[in-house]
Amino acid sequence: MASVRLPPGCDGAELERRLWAEHRIEIPAMRPEKDLLRISVATYTRREGVERLLDALRRALRTSRSPASD
């Protein structure tokens, strides 16, 4: 398990929602600021699953900026 800080201006709650809605990937945005993602990988997690997560994150992070950061 690891926590990864989101880039400045990223809307963590929106990112969390989109990852689930578009990819059925459940990763909670943590803390009141929603600026950390908690990522858990188990022994049964396959490389393809990790690559799917990374691809989904790349796409979602490009469009998950809060309006205030633009």
PDB file of N, CA and C in Angstrom:
ATOM      1  N   MET A   1       0.850  -1.157   0.000  1.00  0.00           N
ATOM      2  CA  MET A   1       0.000   0.000   0.000  1.00  0.00           C
ATOM      3  C   MET A   1       0.903   1.229   0.000  1.00  0.00           C
ATOM      4  N   ALA A   2       0.474   2.231  -0.772  1.00  0.00           N
ATOM      5  CA  ALA A   2       1.237   3.469  -0.837  1.00  0.00           C
ATOM      6  C   ALA A   2       0.278   4.635  -1.018  1.00  0.00           C
ATOM      7  N   SER A   3       0.718   5.801  -0.571  1.00  0.00           N
ATOM      8  CA  SER A   3      -0.023   7.030  -0.819  1.00  0.00           C
ATOM      9  C   SER A   3       0.785   7.881  -1.770  1.00  0.00           C
ATOM     10  N   VAL A   4       0.109   8.445  -2.751  1.00  0.00           N
ATOM     11  CA  VAL A   4       0.761   9.257  -3.767  1.00  0.00           C
ATOM     12  C   VAL A   4       0.083  10.619  -3.788  1.00  0.00           C
ATOM     13  N   ARG A   5       0.883  11.673  -3.672  1.00  0.00           N
ATOM     14  CA  ARG A   5       0.324  13.023  -3.680  1.00  0.00           C
ATOM     15  C   ARG A   5      -0.060  13.407  -5.106  1.00  0.00           C
ATOM     16  N   LEU A   6      -1.237  13.993  -5.240  1.00  0.00           N
ATOM     17  CA  LEU A   6      -1.718  14.437  -6.542  1.00  0.00           C
ATOM     18  C   LEU A   6      -1.056  15.760  -6.920  1.00  0.00           C
ATOM     19  N   PRO A   7      -0.975  16.050  -8.209  1.00  0.00           N
ATOM     20  CA  PRO A   7      -0.382  17.323  -8.636  1.00  0.00           C
ATOM     21  C   PRO A   7      -1.193  18.505  -8.108  1.00  0.00           C
ATOM     22  N   PRO A   8      -0.554  19.649  -7.900  1.00  0.00           N
ATOM     23  CA  PRO A   8      -1.283  20.845  -7.453  1.00  0.00           C
ATOM     24  C   PRO A   8      -2.427  21.160  -8.411  1.00  0.00           C
ATOM     25  N   GLY A   9      -3.560  21.522  -7.847  1.00  0.00           N
ATOM     26  CA  GLY A   9      -4.716  21.891  -8.647  1.00  0.00           C
ATOM     27  C   GLY A   9      -5.569  20.736  -9.115  1.00  0.00           C
ATOM     28  N   CYS A  10      -5.148  19.511  -8.816  1.00  0.00           N
ATOM     29  CA  CYS A  10      -5.922  18.344  -9.221  1.00  0.00           C
ATOM     30  C   CYS A  10      -7.107  18.167  -8.273  1.00  0.00           C
ATOM     31  N   ASP A  11      -8.265  17.953  -8.821  1.00  0.00           N
ATOM     32  CA  ASP A  11      -9.472  17.724  -8.032  1.00  0.00           C
ATOM     33  C   ASP A  11      -9.538  16.226  -7.693  1.00  0.00           C
ATOM     34  N   GLY A  12      -9.056  15.864  -6.512  1.00  0.00           N
ATOM     35  CA  GLY A  12      -8.969  14.465  -6.101  1.00  0.00           C
ATOM     36  C   GLY A  12     -10.312  13.759  -6.040  1.00  0.00           C
ATOM     37  N   ALA A  13     -11.334  14.455  -5.590  1.00  0.00           N
ATOM     38  CA  ALA A  13     -12.664  13.847  -5.514  1.00  0.00           C
ATOM     39  C   ALA A  13     -13.185  13.534  -6.916  1.00  0.00           C
ATOM     40  N   GLU A  14     -12.962  14.442  -7.853  1.00  0.00           N
ATOM     41  CA  GLU A  14     -13.384  14.222  -9.243  1.00  0.00           C
ATOM     42  C   GLU A  14     -12.575  13.093  -9.882  1.00  0.00           C
ATOM     43  N   LEU A  15     -11.287  13.050  -9.600  1.00  0.00           N
ATOM     44  CA  LEU A  15     -10.443  11.974 -10.117  1.00  0.00           C
ATOM     45  C   LEU A  15     -10.927  10.626  -9.606  1.00  0.00           C
ATOM     46  N   GLU A  16     -11.201  10.549  -8.328  1.00  0.00           N
ATOM     47  CA  GLU A  16     -11.723   9.321  -7.725  1.00  0.00           C
ATOM     48  C   GLU A  16     -13.028   8.894  -8.404  1.00  0.00           C
ATOM     49  N   ARG A  17     -13.927   9.843  -8.598  1.00  0.00           N
ATOM     50  CA  ARG A  17     -15.214   9.552  -9.233  1.00  0.00           C
ATOM     51  C   ARG A  17     -15.034   9.063 -10.671  1.00  0.00           C
ATOM     52  N   ARG A  18     -14.183   9.751 -11.425  1.00  0.00           N
ATOM     53  CA  ARG A  18     -13.973   9.383 -12.830  1.00  0.00           C
ATOM     54  C   ARG A  18     -13.297   8.036 -12.987  1.00  0.00           C
ATOM     55  N   LEU A  19     -12.314   7.735 -12.149  1.00  0.00           N
ATOM     56  CA  LEU A  19     -11.653   6.424 -12.249  1.00  0.00           C
ATOM     57  C   LEU A  19     -12.669   5.304 -12.061  1.00  0.00           C
ATOM     58  N   TRP A  20     -13.604   5.498 -11.142  1.00  0.00           N
ATOM     59  CA  TRP A  20     -14.637   4.473 -10.934  1.00  0.00           C
ATOM     60  C   TRP A  20     -15.637   4.454 -12.090  1.00  0.00           C
ATOM     61  N   ALA A  21     -16.148   5.620 -12.463  1.00  0.00           N
ATOM     62  CA  ALA A  21     -17.197   5.698 -13.481  1.00  0.00           C
ATOM     63  C   ALA A  21     -16.713   5.226 -14.852  1.00  0.00           C
ATOM     64  N   GLU A  22     -15.502   5.573 -15.214  1.00  0.00           N
ATOM     65  CA  GLU A  22     -15.010   5.284 -16.558  1.00  0.00           C
ATOM     66  C   GLU A  22     -14.215   3.988 -16.665  1.00  0.00           C
ATOM     67  N   HIS A  23     -13.608   3.540 -15.550  1.00  0.00           N
ATOM     68  CA  HIS A  23     -12.695   2.392 -15.632  1.00  0.00           C
ATOM     69  C   HIS A  23     -12.979   1.312 -14.593  1.00  0.00           C
ATOM     70  N   ARG A  24     -13.943   1.564 -13.697  1.00  0.00           N
ATOM     71  CA  ARG A  24     -14.237   0.650 -12.593  1.00  0.00           C
ATOM     72  C   ARG A  24     -12.979   0.362 -11.759  1.00  0.00           C
ATOM     73  N   ILE A  25     -12.207   1.433 -11.542  1.00  0.00           N
ATOM     74  CA  ILE A  25     -11.023   1.376 -10.687  1.00  0.00           C
ATOM     75  C   ILE A  25     -11.365   2.168  -9.433  1.00  0.00           C
ATOM     76  N   GLU A  26     -11.253   1.515  -8.286  1.00  0.00           N
ATOM     77  CA  GLU A  26     -11.598   2.169  -7.024  1.00  0.00           C
ATOM     78  C   GLU A  26     -10.327   2.505  -6.260  1.00  0.00           C
ATOM     79  N   ILE A  27     -10.031   3.791  -6.189  1.00  0.00           N
ATOM     80  CA  ILE A  27      -8.876   4.295  -5.439  1.00  0.00           C
ATOM     81  C   ILE A  27      -9.361   5.507  -4.656  1.00  0.00           C
ATOM     82  N   PRO A  28      -9.290   5.445  -3.338  1.00  0.00           N
ATOM     83  CA  PRO A  28      -9.786   6.580  -2.555  1.00  0.00           C
ATOM     84  C   PRO A  28      -8.825   7.769  -2.564  1.00  0.00           C
ATOM     85  N   ALA A  29      -9.385   8.958  -2.679  1.00  0.00           N
ATOM     86  CA  ALA A  29      -8.636  10.187  -2.468  1.00  0.00           C
ATOM     87  C   ALA A  29      -8.702  10.451  -0.963  1.00  0.00           C
ATOM     88  N   MET A  30      -7.578  10.676  -0.344  1.00  0.00           N
ATOM     89  CA  MET A  30      -7.493  10.737   1.110  1.00  0.00           C
ATOM     90  C   MET A  30      -7.303  12.168   1.621  1.00  0.00           C
ATOM     91  N   ARG A  31      -7.513  12.303   2.915  1.00  0.00           N
ATOM     92  CA  ARG A  31      -7.375  13.523   3.702  1.00  0.00           C
ATOM     93  C   ARG A  31      -8.491  14.496   3.359  1.00  0.00           C
ATOM     94  N   PRO A  32      -8.714  15.449   4.198  1.00  0.00           N
ATOM     95  CA  PRO A  32      -9.761  16.444   3.892  1.00  0.00           C
ATOM     96  C   PRO A  32      -9.499  17.179   2.573  1.00  0.00           C
ATOM     97  N   GLU A  33      -8.237  17.341   2.210  1.00  0.00           N
ATOM     98  CA  GLU A  33      -7.885  18.063   0.988  1.00  0.00           C
ATOM     99  C   GLU A  33      -8.050  17.198  -0.262  1.00  0.00           C
ATOM    100  N   LYS A  34      -8.247  15.889  -0.072  1.00  0.00           N
ATOM    101  CA  LYS A  34      -8.359  14.951  -1.202  1.00  0.00           C
ATOM    102  C   LYS A  34      -7.163  15.068  -2.133  1.00  0.00           C
ATOM    103  N   ASP A  35      -5.949  15.201  -1.556  1.00  0.00           N
ATOM    104  CA  ASP A  35      -4.754  15.389  -2.380  1.00  0.00           C
ATOM    105  C   ASP A  35      -3.824  14.187  -2.382  1.00  0.00           C
ATOM    106  N   LEU A  36      -4.269  13.080  -1.793  1.00  0.00           N
ATOM    107  CA  LEU A  36      -3.496  11.842  -1.802  1.00  0.00           C
ATOM    108  C   LEU A  36      -4.349  10.710  -2.363  1.00  0.00           C
ATOM    109  N   LEU A  37      -3.737   9.869  -3.175  1.00  0.00           N
ATOM    110  CA  LEU A  37      -4.401   8.636  -3.601  1.00  0.00           C
ATOM    111  C   LEU A  37      -3.775   7.487  -2.838  1.00  0.00           C
ATOM    112  N   ARG A  38      -4.602   6.599  -2.325  1.00  0.00           N
ATOM    113  CA  ARG A  38      -4.096   5.407  -1.637  1.00  0.00           C
ATOM    114  C   ARG A  38      -4.177   4.252  -2.629  1.00  0.00           C
ATOM    115  N   ILE A  39      -3.030   3.718  -2.973  1.00  0.00           N
ATOM    116  CA  ILE A  39      -2.945   2.639  -3.956  1.00  0.00           C
ATOM    117  C   ILE A  39      -2.505   1.372  -3.250  1.00  0.00           C
ATOM    118  N   SER A  40      -3.275   0.313  -3.446  1.00  0.00           N
ATOM    119  CA  SER A  40      -2.959  -0.981  -2.834  1.00  0.00           C
ATOM    120  C   SER A  40      -2.781  -2.021  -3.928  1.00  0.00           C
ATOM    121  N   VAL A  41      -1.686  -2.756  -3.864  1.00  0.00           N
ATOM    122  CA  VAL A  41      -1.412  -3.837  -4.799  1.00  0.00           C
ATOM    123  C   VAL A  41      -1.195  -5.094  -3.971  1.00  0.00           C
ATOM    124  N   ALA A  42      -1.945  -6.128  -4.290  1.00  0.00           N
ATOM    125  CA  ALA A  42      -1.848  -7.388  -3.551  1.00  0.00           C
ATOM    126  C   ALA A  42      -1.004  -8.395  -4.338  1.00  0.00           C
ATOM    127  N   THR A  43      -0.703  -9.504  -3.707  1.00  0.00           N
ATOM    128  CA  THR A  43       0.125 -10.522  -4.364  1.00  0.00           C
ATOM    129  C   THR A  43      -0.553 -11.096  -5.600  1.00  0.00           C
ATOM    130  N   TYR A  44      -1.867 -11.066  -5.661  1.00  0.00           N
ATOM    131  CA  TYR A  44      -2.583 -11.611  -6.808  1.00  0.00           C
ATOM    132  C   TYR A  44      -2.776 -10.582  -7.925  1.00  0.00           C
ATOM    133  N   THR A  45      -2.349  -9.339  -7.710  1.00  0.00           N
ATOM    134  CA  THR A  45      -2.489  -8.300  -8.729  1.00  0.00           C
ATOM    135  C   THR A  45      -1.521  -8.595  -9.863  1.00  0.00           C
ATOM    136  N   ARG A  46      -2.051  -8.609 -11.074  1.00  0.00           N
ATOM    137  CA  ARG A  46      -1.223  -8.903 -12.239  1.00  0.00           C
ATOM    138  C   ARG A  46      -0.665  -7.618 -12.832  1.00  0.00           C
ATOM    139  N   ARG A  47       0.417  -7.750 -13.540  1.00  0.00           N
ATOM    140  CA  ARG A  47       1.071  -6.606 -14.180  1.00  0.00           C
ATOM    141  C   ARG A  47       0.090  -5.834 -15.070  1.00  0.00           C
ATOM    142  N   GLU A  48      -0.785  -6.556 -15.775  1.00  0.00           N
ATOM    143  CA  GLU A  48      -1.759  -5.924 -16.655  1.00  0.00           C
ATOM    144  C   GLU A  48      -2.691  -4.994 -15.877  1.00  0.00           C
ATOM    145  N   GLY A  49      -3.034  -5.386 -14.654  1.00  0.00           N
ATOM    146  CA  GLY A  49      -3.878  -4.547 -13.817  1.00  0.00           C
ATOM    147  C   GLY A  49      -3.193  -3.250 -13.425  1.00  0.00           C
ATOM    148  N   VAL A  50      -1.912  -3.340 -13.101  1.00  0.00           N
ATOM    149  CA  VAL A  50      -1.138  -2.142 -12.752  1.00  0.00           C
ATOM    150  C   VAL A  50      -1.010  -1.232 -13.974  1.00  0.00           C
ATOM    151  N   GLU A  51      -0.738  -1.816 -15.139  1.00  0.00           N
ATOM    152  CA  GLU A  51      -0.620  -1.020 -16.355  1.00  0.00           C
ATOM    153  C   GLU A  51      -1.957  -0.359 -16.705  1.00  0.00           C
ATOM    154  N   ARG A  52      -3.059  -1.060 -16.485  1.00  0.00           N
ATOM    155  CA  ARG A  52      -4.385  -0.492 -16.720  1.00  0.00           C
ATOM    156  C   ARG A  52      -4.618   0.715 -15.805  1.00  0.00           C
ATOM    157  N   LEU A  53      -4.232   0.581 -14.549  1.00  0.00           N
ATOM    158  CA  LEU A  53      -4.342   1.685 -13.601  1.00  0.00           C
ATOM    159  C   LEU A  53      -3.511   2.877 -14.053  1.00  0.00           C
ATOM    160  N   LEU A  54      -2.263   2.645 -14.419  1.00  0.00           N
ATOM    161  CA  LEU A  54      -1.385   3.740 -14.834  1.00  0.00           C
ATOM    162  C   LEU A  54      -1.916   4.446 -16.074  1.00  0.00           C
ATOM    163  N   ASP A  55      -2.418   3.690 -17.037  1.00  0.00           N
ATOM    164  CA  ASP A  55      -3.005   4.301 -18.240  1.00  0.00           C
ATOM    165  C   ASP A  55      -4.222   5.144 -17.885  1.00  0.00           C
ATOM    166  N   ALA A  56      -5.088   4.612 -17.037  1.00  0.00           N
ATOM    167  CA  ALA A  56      -6.292   5.347 -16.631  1.00  0.00           C
ATOM    168  C   ALA A  56      -5.914   6.617 -15.868  1.00  0.00           C
ATOM    169  N   LEU A  57      -4.922   6.532 -15.003  1.00  0.00           N
ATOM    170  CA  LEU A  57      -4.477   7.722 -14.256  1.00  0.00           C
ATOM    171  C   LEU A  57      -3.919   8.786 -15.186  1.00  0.00           C
ATOM    172  N   ARG A  58      -3.100   8.373 -16.157  1.00  0.00           N
ATOM    173  CA  ARG A  58      -2.542   9.348 -17.103  1.00  0.00           C
ATOM    174  C   ARG A  58      -3.659  10.113 -17.805  1.00  0.00           C
ATOM    175  N   ARG A  59      -4.650   9.379 -18.300  1.00  0.00           N
ATOM    176  CA  ARG A  59      -5.747  10.027 -19.020  1.00  0.00           C
ATOM    177  C   ARG A  59      -6.578  10.906 -18.094  1.00  0.00           C
ATOM    178  N   ALA A  60      -6.900  10.405 -16.925  1.00  0.00           N
ATOM    179  CA  ALA A  60      -7.758  11.144 -16.002  1.00  0.00           C
ATOM    180  C   ALA A  60      -7.060  12.381 -15.436  1.00  0.00           C
ATOM    181  N   LEU A  61      -5.778  12.294 -15.159  1.00  0.00           N
ATOM    182  CA  LEU A  61      -5.063  13.439 -14.588  1.00  0.00           C
ATOM    183  C   LEU A  61      -4.987  14.611 -15.560  1.00  0.00           C
ATOM    184  N   ARG A  62      -5.012  14.322 -16.840  1.00  0.00           N
ATOM    185  CA  ARG A  62      -4.970  15.410 -17.824  1.00  0.00           C
ATOM    186  C   ARG A  62      -6.216  16.272 -17.762  1.00  0.00           C
ATOM    187  N   THR A  63      -7.326  15.714 -17.269  1.00  0.00           N
ATOM    188  CA  THR A  63      -8.594  16.451 -17.292  1.00  0.00           C
ATOM    189  C   THR A  63      -9.229  16.604 -15.917  1.00  0.00           C
ATOM    190  N   SER A  64      -8.484  16.329 -14.843  1.00  0.00           N
ATOM    191  CA  SER A  64      -9.049  16.413 -13.489  1.00  0.00           C
ATOM    192  C   SER A  64      -8.555  17.635 -12.735  1.00  0.00           C
ATOM    193  N   ARG A  65      -8.357  18.720 -13.421  1.00  0.00           N
ATOM    194  CA  ARG A  65      -7.919  19.955 -12.768  1.00  0.00           C
ATOM    195  C   ARG A  65      -9.130  20.683 -12.210  1.00  0.00           C
ATOM    196  N   SER A  66      -8.949  21.301 -11.074  1.00  0.00           N
ATOM    197  CA  SER A  66     -10.044  22.101 -10.523  1.00  0.00           C
ATOM    198  C   SER A  66     -10.144  23.402 -11.303  1.00  0.00           C
ATOM    199  N   PRO A  67     -11.323  23.982 -11.417  1.00  0.00           N
ATOM    200  CA  PRO A  67     -11.483  25.230 -12.158  1.00  0.00           C
ATOM    201  C   PRO A  67     -10.591  26.351 -11.627  1.00  0.00           C
ATOM    202  N   ALA A  68     -10.314  26.357 -10.337  1.00  0.00           N
ATOM    203  CA  ALA A  68      -9.473  27.412  -9.739  1.00  0.00           C
ATOM    204  C   ALA A  68      -8.039  27.348 -10.212  1.00  0.00           C
ATOM    205  N   SER A  69      -7.567  26.179 -10.684  1.00  0.00           N
ATOM    206  CA  SER A  69      -6.165  26.051 -11.082  1.00  0.00           C
ATOM    207  C   SER A  69      -5.935  26.454 -12.523  1.00  0.00           C
ATOM    208  N   ASP A  70      -6.974  26.717 -13.296  1.00  0.00           N
ATOM    209  CA  ASP A  70      -6.824  27.082 -14.714  1.00  0.00           C
ATOM    210  C   ASP A  70      -6.493  28.543 -14.885  1.00  0.00           C
TER     211      ASP A  70
END
